[in-house]
Amino acid sequence: MGTIRVLPAYPQNAGIGGTTEDNVSLAFAIAQCGWTRGIPYVILSRDEQFSDALDAVPLSKKLNAPILMTDSAKLDDRTLA
């Protein structure tokens, strides 16, 4: 009997944030691609509650503001920068 090679349904590539290791890095990578410095608004979301970021999407659209994630107990240095 022969074998049939099975290909993945979705080939993974290094798109925006494709190589990030956590939500904070992913949010930062997306913000760098979609917004420039000097934007008037930024939306902060808790890193450990991803649903908070999803809830912030309509506000992000209305204000044209990126959603950055951070720990709820302390502002992440990457987010602050």
PDB file of N, CA and C in Angstrom:
ATOM      1  N   MET A   1       0.828  -1.177   0.000  1.00  0.00           N
ATOM      2  CA  MET A   1       0.000   0.000   0.000  1.00  0.00           C
ATOM      3  C   MET A   1       0.872   1.240   0.000  1.00  0.00           C
ATOM      4  N   GLY A   2       0.399   2.278  -0.676  1.00  0.00           N
ATOM      5  CA  GLY A   2       1.126   3.533  -0.705  1.00  0.00           C
ATOM      6  C   GLY A   2       0.663   4.473   0.394  1.00  0.00           C
ATOM      7  N   THR A   3       1.313   5.584   0.495  1.00  0.00           N
ATOM      8  CA  THR A   3       0.926   6.594   1.477  1.00  0.00           C
ATOM      9  C   THR A   3       0.476   7.861   0.758  1.00  0.00           C
ATOM     10  N   ILE A   4      -0.373   8.584   1.405  1.00  0.00           N
ATOM     11  CA  ILE A   4      -0.866   9.846   0.865  1.00  0.00           C
ATOM     12  C   ILE A   4      -0.395  10.956   1.796  1.00  0.00           C
ATOM     13  N   ARG A   5       0.252  11.934   1.215  1.00  0.00           N
ATOM     14  CA  ARG A   5       0.736  13.061   2.013  1.00  0.00           C
ATOM     15  C   ARG A   5      -0.442  13.992   2.316  1.00  0.00           C
ATOM     16  N   VAL A   6      -0.624  14.325   3.588  1.00  0.00           N
ATOM     17  CA  VAL A   6      -1.711  15.209   4.014  1.00  0.00           C
ATOM     18  C   VAL A   6      -1.121  16.563   4.349  1.00  0.00           C
ATOM     19  N   LEU A   7      -1.639  17.590   3.690  1.00  0.00           N
ATOM     20  CA  LEU A   7      -1.167  18.947   3.931  1.00  0.00           C
ATOM     21  C   LEU A   7      -2.061  19.629   4.953  1.00  0.00           C
ATOM     22  N   PRO A   8      -1.509  20.534   5.745  1.00  0.00           N
ATOM     23  CA  PRO A   8      -2.352  21.255   6.708  1.00  0.00           C
ATOM     24  C   PRO A   8      -3.376  22.125   5.981  1.00  0.00           C
ATOM     25  N   ALA A   9      -4.523  22.299   6.595  1.00  0.00           N
ATOM     26  CA  ALA A   9      -5.581  23.112   5.999  1.00  0.00           C
ATOM     27  C   ALA A   9      -5.185  24.579   5.943  1.00  0.00           C
ATOM     28  N   TYR A  10      -4.393  25.019   6.905  1.00  0.00           N
ATOM     29  CA  TYR A  10      -3.963  26.410   6.956  1.00  0.00           C
ATOM     30  C   TYR A  10      -2.462  26.451   7.174  1.00  0.00           C
ATOM     31  N   PRO A  11      -1.712  26.885   6.176  1.00  0.00           N
ATOM     32  CA  PRO A  11      -0.256  26.973   6.376  1.00  0.00           C
ATOM     33  C   PRO A  11       0.096  28.160   7.258  1.00  0.00           C
ATOM     34  N   GLN A  12       0.829  27.927   8.317  1.00  0.00           N
ATOM     35  CA  GLN A  12       1.209  28.990   9.234  1.00  0.00           C
ATOM     36  C   GLN A  12       2.340  29.804   8.625  1.00  0.00           C
ATOM     37  N   ASN A  13       2.223  31.113   8.722  1.00  0.00           N
ATOM     38  CA  ASN A  13       3.290  31.981   8.247  1.00  0.00           C
ATOM     39  C   ASN A  13       3.535  33.074   9.273  1.00  0.00           C
ATOM     40  N   ALA A  14       4.566  33.831   9.045  1.00  0.00           N
ATOM     41  CA  ALA A  14       4.910  34.902   9.984  1.00  0.00           C
ATOM     42  C   ALA A  14       4.239  36.195   9.541  1.00  0.00           C
ATOM     43  N   GLY A  15       2.940  36.305   9.751  1.00  0.00           N
ATOM     44  CA  GLY A  15       2.204  37.534   9.451  1.00  0.00           C
ATOM     45  C   GLY A  15       2.400  38.519  10.590  1.00  0.00           C
ATOM     46  N   ILE A  16       1.495  39.456  10.712  1.00  0.00           N
ATOM     47  CA  ILE A  16       1.592  40.442  11.797  1.00  0.00           C
ATOM     48  C   ILE A  16       1.528  39.721  13.130  1.00  0.00           C
ATOM     49  N   GLY A  17       2.549  39.852  13.926  1.00  0.00           N
ATOM     50  CA  GLY A  17       2.577  39.233  15.240  1.00  0.00           C
ATOM     51  C   GLY A  17       2.718  37.727  15.218  1.00  0.00           C
ATOM     52  N   GLY A  18       3.050  37.144  14.080  1.00  0.00           N
ATOM     53  CA  GLY A  18       3.140  35.695  13.958  1.00  0.00           C
ATOM     54  C   GLY A  18       4.217  35.061  14.807  1.00  0.00           C
ATOM     55  N   THR A  19       5.183  35.829  15.232  1.00  0.00           N
ATOM     56  CA  THR A  19       6.279  35.280  16.029  1.00  0.00           C
ATOM     57  C   THR A  19       6.266  35.803  17.467  1.00  0.00           C
ATOM     58  N   THR A  20       5.180  36.410  17.895  1.00  0.00           N
ATOM     59  CA  THR A  20       5.120  36.952  19.255  1.00  0.00           C
ATOM     60  C   THR A  20       4.905  35.840  20.261  1.00  0.00           C
ATOM     61  N   GLU A  21       5.335  36.101  21.496  1.00  0.00           N
ATOM     62  CA  GLU A  21       5.234  35.056  22.515  1.00  0.00           C
ATOM     63  C   GLU A  21       4.110  35.271  23.518  1.00  0.00           C
ATOM     64  N   ASP A  22       3.487  36.460  23.544  1.00  0.00           N
ATOM     65  CA  ASP A  22       2.404  36.709  24.492  1.00  0.00           C
ATOM     66  C   ASP A  22       1.455  37.763  23.942  1.00  0.00           C
ATOM     67  N   ASN A  23       0.348  37.990  24.636  1.00  0.00           N
ATOM     68  CA  ASN A  23      -0.667  38.934  24.175  1.00  0.00           C
ATOM     69  C   ASN A  23      -0.162  40.364  24.129  1.00  0.00           C
ATOM     70  N   VAL A  24       0.680  40.750  25.071  1.00  0.00           N
ATOM     71  CA  VAL A  24       1.209  42.117  25.098  1.00  0.00           C
ATOM     72  C   VAL A  24       2.039  42.370  23.837  1.00  0.00           C
ATOM     73  N   SER A  25       2.888  41.429  23.480  1.00  0.00           N
ATOM     74  CA  SER A  25       3.712  41.562  22.278  1.00  0.00           C
ATOM     75  C   SER A  25       2.859  41.574  21.016  1.00  0.00           C
ATOM     76  N   LEU A  26       1.827  40.748  20.988  1.00  0.00           N
ATOM     77  CA  LEU A  26       0.935  40.702  19.838  1.00  0.00           C
ATOM     78  C   LEU A  26       0.204  42.030  19.664  1.00  0.00           C
ATOM     79  N   ALA A  27      -0.346  42.577  20.740  1.00  0.00           N
ATOM     80  CA  ALA A  27      -1.050  43.854  20.668  1.00  0.00           C
ATOM     81  C   ALA A  27      -0.104  44.966  20.212  1.00  0.00           C
ATOM     82  N   PHE A  28       1.115  44.930  20.700  1.00  0.00           N
ATOM     83  CA  PHE A  28       2.101  45.938  20.329  1.00  0.00           C
ATOM     84  C   PHE A  28       2.449  45.833  18.843  1.00  0.00           C
ATOM     85  N   ALA A  29       2.619  44.614  18.335  1.00  0.00           N
ATOM     86  CA  ALA A  29       2.940  44.404  16.920  1.00  0.00           C
ATOM     87  C   ALA A  29       1.814  44.902  16.020  1.00  0.00           C
ATOM     88  N   ILE A  30       0.579  44.645  16.410  1.00  0.00           N
ATOM     89  CA  ILE A  30      -0.569  45.108  15.627  1.00  0.00           C
ATOM     90  C   ILE A  30      -0.650  46.629  15.640  1.00  0.00           C
ATOM     91  N   ALA A  31      -0.431  47.226  16.805  1.00  0.00           N
ATOM     92  CA  ALA A  31      -0.496  48.686  16.914  1.00  0.00           C
ATOM     93  C   ALA A  31       0.575  49.360  16.054  1.00  0.00           C
ATOM     94  N   GLN A  32       1.748  48.754  15.971  1.00  0.00           N
ATOM     95  CA  GLN A  32       2.823  49.332  15.165  1.00  0.00           C
ATOM     96  C   GLN A  32       2.488  49.319  13.679  1.00  0.00           C
ATOM     97  N   CYS A  33       1.725  48.333  13.235  1.00  0.00           N
ATOM     98  CA  CYS A  33       1.378  48.235  11.813  1.00  0.00           C
ATOM     99  C   CYS A  33       0.183  49.096  11.441  1.00  0.00           C
ATOM    100  N   GLY A  34      -0.701  49.376  12.391  1.00  0.00           N
ATOM    101  CA  GLY A  34      -1.935  50.064  12.059  1.00  0.00           C
ATOM    102  C   GLY A  34      -1.997  51.525  12.444  1.00  0.00           C
ATOM    103  N   TRP A  35      -1.103  51.970  13.307  1.00  0.00           N
ATOM    104  CA  TRP A  35      -1.173  53.353  13.787  1.00  0.00           C
ATOM    105  C   TRP A  35       0.212  53.966  13.809  1.00  0.00           C
ATOM    106  N   THR A  36       0.246  55.288  13.730  1.00  0.00           N
ATOM    107  CA  THR A  36       1.514  56.010  13.816  1.00  0.00           C
ATOM    108  C   THR A  36       1.610  56.700  15.164  1.00  0.00           C
ATOM    109  N   ARG A  37       2.781  57.182  15.490  1.00  0.00           N
ATOM    110  CA  ARG A  37       2.957  57.909  16.757  1.00  0.00           C
ATOM    111  C   ARG A  37       2.133  59.184  16.734  1.00  0.00           C
ATOM    112  N   GLY A  38       1.761  59.643  17.898  1.00  0.00           N
ATOM    113  CA  GLY A  38       1.017  60.880  18.004  1.00  0.00           C
ATOM    114  C   GLY A  38      -0.493  60.708  17.948  1.00  0.00           C
ATOM    115  N   ILE A  39      -0.973  59.473  18.077  1.00  0.00           N
ATOM    116  CA  ILE A  39      -2.417  59.264  18.096  1.00  0.00           C
ATOM    117  C   ILE A  39      -2.966  59.769  19.425  1.00  0.00           C
ATOM    118  N   PRO A  40      -4.180  60.347  19.429  1.00  0.00           N
ATOM    119  CA  PRO A  40      -4.690  60.953  20.659  1.00  0.00           C
ATOM    120  C   PRO A  40      -5.206  59.950  21.698  1.00  0.00           C
ATOM    121  N   TYR A  41      -5.572  58.741  21.278  1.00  0.00           N
ATOM    122  CA  TYR A  41      -6.163  57.771  22.211  1.00  0.00           C
ATOM    123  C   TYR A  41      -5.483  56.412  22.110  1.00  0.00           C
ATOM    124  N   VAL A  42      -5.428  55.741  23.240  1.00  0.00           N
ATOM    125  CA  VAL A  42      -4.991  54.350  23.324  1.00  0.00           C
ATOM    126  C   VAL A  42      -5.928  53.664  24.309  1.00  0.00           C
ATOM    127  N   ILE A  43      -6.360  52.473  23.983  1.00  0.00           N
ATOM    128  CA  ILE A  43      -7.239  51.711  24.867  1.00  0.00           C
ATOM    129  C   ILE A  43      -6.410  50.639  25.547  1.00  0.00           C
ATOM    130  N   LEU A  44      -6.486  50.570  26.878  1.00  0.00           N
ATOM    131  CA  LEU A  44      -5.765  49.551  27.634  1.00  0.00           C
ATOM    132  C   LEU A  44      -6.712  48.417  28.000  1.00  0.00           C
ATOM    133  N   SER A  45      -6.204  47.199  27.903  1.00  0.00           N
ATOM    134  CA  SER A  45      -6.991  46.020  28.208  1.00  0.00           C
ATOM    135  C   SER A  45      -6.146  45.073  29.058  1.00  0.00           C
ATOM    136  N   ARG A  46      -6.824  44.311  29.928  1.00  0.00           N
ATOM    137  CA  ARG A  46      -6.107  43.364  30.780  1.00  0.00           C
ATOM    138  C   ARG A  46      -5.615  42.173  29.960  1.00  0.00           C
ATOM    139  N   ASP A  47      -4.353  41.829  30.139  1.00  0.00           N
ATOM    140  CA  ASP A  47      -3.741  40.715  29.417  1.00  0.00           C
ATOM    141  C   ASP A  47      -4.378  39.380  29.778  1.00  0.00           C
ATOM    142  N   GLU A  48      -4.744  39.215  31.029  1.00  0.00           N
ATOM    143  CA  GLU A  48      -5.269  37.920  31.465  1.00  0.00           C
ATOM    144  C   GLU A  48      -6.754  37.730  31.140  1.00  0.00           C
ATOM    145  N   GLN A  49      -7.407  38.763  30.623  1.00  0.00           N
ATOM    146  CA  GLN A  49      -8.820  38.680  30.222  1.00  0.00           C
ATOM    147  C   GLN A  49      -8.941  39.115  28.762  1.00  0.00           C
ATOM    148  N   PHE A  50      -8.690  38.188  27.850  1.00  0.00           N
ATOM    149  CA  PHE A  50      -8.704  38.515  26.428  1.00  0.00           C
ATOM    150  C   PHE A  50     -10.067  39.038  25.986  1.00  0.00           C
ATOM    151  N   SER A  51     -11.131  38.606  26.663  1.00  0.00           N
ATOM    152  CA  SER A  51     -12.468  39.068  26.301  1.00  0.00           C
ATOM    153  C   SER A  51     -12.609  40.586  26.493  1.00  0.00           C
ATOM    154  N   ASP A  52     -11.834  41.172  27.397  1.00  0.00           N
ATOM    155  CA  ASP A  52     -11.865  42.625  27.574  1.00  0.00           C
ATOM    156  C   ASP A  52     -11.417  43.336  26.293  1.00  0.00           C
ATOM    157  N   ALA A  53     -10.394  42.793  25.658  1.00  0.00           N
ATOM    158  CA  ALA A  53      -9.909  43.383  24.406  1.00  0.00           C
ATOM    159  C   ALA A  53     -10.968  43.250  23.313  1.00  0.00           C
ATOM    160  N   LEU A  54     -11.659  42.125  23.277  1.00  0.00           N
ATOM    161  CA  LEU A  54     -12.717  41.940  22.284  1.00  0.00           C
ATOM    162  C   LEU A  54     -13.855  42.935  22.503  1.00  0.00           C
ATOM    163  N   ASP A  55     -14.187  43.178  23.758  1.00  0.00           N
ATOM    164  CA  ASP A  55     -15.241  44.150  24.073  1.00  0.00           C
ATOM    165  C   ASP A  55     -14.845  45.574  23.688  1.00  0.00           C
ATOM    166  N   ALA A  56     -13.552  45.843  23.625  1.00  0.00           N
ATOM    167  CA  ALA A  56     -13.074  47.192  23.322  1.00  0.00           C
ATOM    168  C   ALA A  56     -13.008  47.481  21.822  1.00  0.00           C
ATOM    169  N   VAL A  57     -13.253  46.495  20.987  1.00  0.00           N
ATOM    170  CA  VAL A  57     -13.130  46.680  19.536  1.00  0.00           C
ATOM    171  C   VAL A  57     -14.040  47.785  18.995  1.00  0.00           C
ATOM    172  N   PRO A  58     -15.328  47.855  19.361  1.00  0.00           N
ATOM    173  CA  PRO A  58     -16.150  48.958  18.837  1.00  0.00           C
ATOM    174  C   PRO A  58     -15.627  50.345  19.227  1.00  0.00           C
ATOM    175  N   LEU A  59     -15.144  50.485  20.455  1.00  0.00           N
ATOM    176  CA  LEU A  59     -14.572  51.759  20.890  1.00  0.00           C
ATOM    177  C   LEU A  59     -13.297  52.063  20.118  1.00  0.00           C
ATOM    178  N   SER A  60     -12.496  51.043  19.876  1.00  0.00           N
ATOM    179  CA  SER A  60     -11.274  51.208  19.102  1.00  0.00           C
ATOM    180  C   SER A  60     -11.587  51.717  17.695  1.00  0.00           C
ATOM    181  N   LYS A  61     -12.616  51.170  17.104  1.00  0.00           N
ATOM    182  CA  LYS A  61     -13.032  51.601  15.765  1.00  0.00           C
ATOM    183  C   LYS A  61     -13.520  53.054  15.795  1.00  0.00           C
ATOM    184  N   LYS A  62     -14.340  53.369  16.779  1.00  0.00           N
ATOM    185  CA  LYS A  62     -14.909  54.728  16.867  1.00  0.00           C
ATOM    186  C   LYS A  62     -13.823  55.783  17.069  1.00  0.00           C
ATOM    187  N   LEU A  63     -12.852  55.501  17.936  1.00  0.00           N
ATOM    188  CA  LEU A  63     -11.798  56.465  18.259  1.00  0.00           C
ATOM    189  C   LEU A  63     -10.567  56.345  17.370  1.00  0.00           C
ATOM    190  N   ASN A  64     -10.552  55.313  16.516  1.00  0.00           N
ATOM    191  CA  ASN A  64      -9.367  54.993  15.714  1.00  0.00           C
ATOM    192  C   ASN A  64      -8.147  54.860  16.630  1.00  0.00           C
ATOM    193  N   ALA A  65      -8.303  54.047  17.673  1.00  0.00           N
ATOM    194  CA  ALA A  65      -7.273  53.884  18.695  1.00  0.00           C
ATOM    195  C   ALA A  65      -6.855  52.421  18.804  1.00  0.00           C
ATOM    196  N   PRO A  66      -5.572  52.161  18.985  1.00  0.00           N
ATOM    197  CA  PRO A  66      -5.124  50.783  19.172  1.00  0.00           C
ATOM    198  C   PRO A  66      -5.506  50.264  20.558  1.00  0.00           C
ATOM    199  N   ILE A  67      -5.640  48.955  20.654  1.00  0.00           N
ATOM    200  CA  ILE A  67      -5.895  48.293  21.933  1.00  0.00           C
ATOM    201  C   ILE A  67      -4.576  47.671  22.379  1.00  0.00           C
ATOM    202  N   LEU A  68      -4.053  48.141  23.492  1.00  0.00           N
ATOM    203  CA  LEU A  68      -2.810  47.597  24.035  1.00  0.00           C
ATOM    204  C   LEU A  68      -3.137  46.801  25.290  1.00  0.00           C
ATOM    205  N   MET A  69      -2.459  45.700  25.471  1.00  0.00           N
ATOM    206  CA  MET A  69      -2.731  44.833  26.613  1.00  0.00           C
ATOM    207  C   MET A  69      -1.631  44.984  27.659  1.00  0.00           C
ATOM    208  N   THR A  70      -2.030  44.820  28.913  1.00  0.00           N
ATOM    209  CA  THR A  70      -1.087  44.929  30.023  1.00  0.00           C
ATOM    210  C   THR A  70      -1.602  44.113  31.197  1.00  0.00           C
ATOM    211  N   ASP A  71      -0.744  43.831  32.139  1.00  0.00           N
ATOM    212  CA  ASP A  71      -1.146  43.140  33.355  1.00  0.00           C
ATOM    213  C   ASP A  71      -2.066  44.048  34.159  1.00  0.00           C
ATOM    214  N   SER A  72      -3.075  43.494  34.805  1.00  0.00           N
ATOM    215  CA  SER A  72      -4.023  44.337  35.534  1.00  0.00           C
ATOM    216  C   SER A  72      -3.425  44.920  36.816  1.00  0.00           C
ATOM    217  N   ALA A  73      -2.355  44.345  37.318  1.00  0.00           N
ATOM    218  CA  ALA A  73      -1.755  44.841  38.550  1.00  0.00           C
ATOM    219  C   ALA A  73      -0.670  45.891  38.310  1.00  0.00           C
ATOM    220  N   LYS A  74      -0.055  45.881  37.127  1.00  0.00           N
ATOM    221  CA  LYS A  74       1.050  46.807  36.843  1.00  0.00           C
ATOM    222  C   LYS A  74       1.093  47.079  35.347  1.00  0.00           C
ATOM    223  N   LEU A  75       1.293  48.330  34.984  1.00  0.00           N
ATOM    224  CA  LEU A  75       1.418  48.697  33.568  1.00  0.00           C
ATOM    225  C   LEU A  75       2.705  48.119  33.003  1.00  0.00           C
ATOM    226  N   ASP A  76       2.571  47.296  31.981  1.00  0.00           N
ATOM    227  CA  ASP A  76       3.724  46.668  31.331  1.00  0.00           C
ATOM    228  C   ASP A  76       4.612  47.740  30.706  1.00  0.00           C
ATOM    229  N   ASP A  77       5.929  47.605  30.844  1.00  0.00           N
ATOM    230  CA  ASP A  77       6.865  48.592  30.319  1.00  0.00           C
ATOM    231  C   ASP A  77       6.753  48.726  28.798  1.00  0.00           C
ATOM    232  N   ARG A  78       6.494  47.602  28.104  1.00  0.00           N
ATOM    233  CA  ARG A  78       6.346  47.665  26.638  1.00  0.00           C
ATOM    234  C   ARG A  78       5.117  48.459  26.256  1.00  0.00           C
ATOM    235  N   THR A  79       4.039  48.317  27.026  1.00  0.00           N
ATOM    236  CA  THR A  79       2.810  49.061  26.761  1.00  0.00           C
ATOM    237  C   THR A  79       3.020  50.542  27.057  1.00  0.00           C
ATOM    238  N   LEU A  80       3.716  50.853  28.112  1.00  0.00           N
ATOM    239  CA  LEU A  80       3.993  52.236  28.470  1.00  0.00           C
ATOM    240  C   LEU A  80       4.817  52.925  27.391  1.00  0.00           C
ATOM    241  N   ALA A  81       5.782  52.212  26.849  1.00  0.00           N
ATOM    242  CA  ALA A  81       6.649  52.794  25.786  1.00  0.00           C
ATOM    243  C   ALA A  81       5.829  53.103  24.561  1.00  0.00           C
TER     244      ALA A  81
END
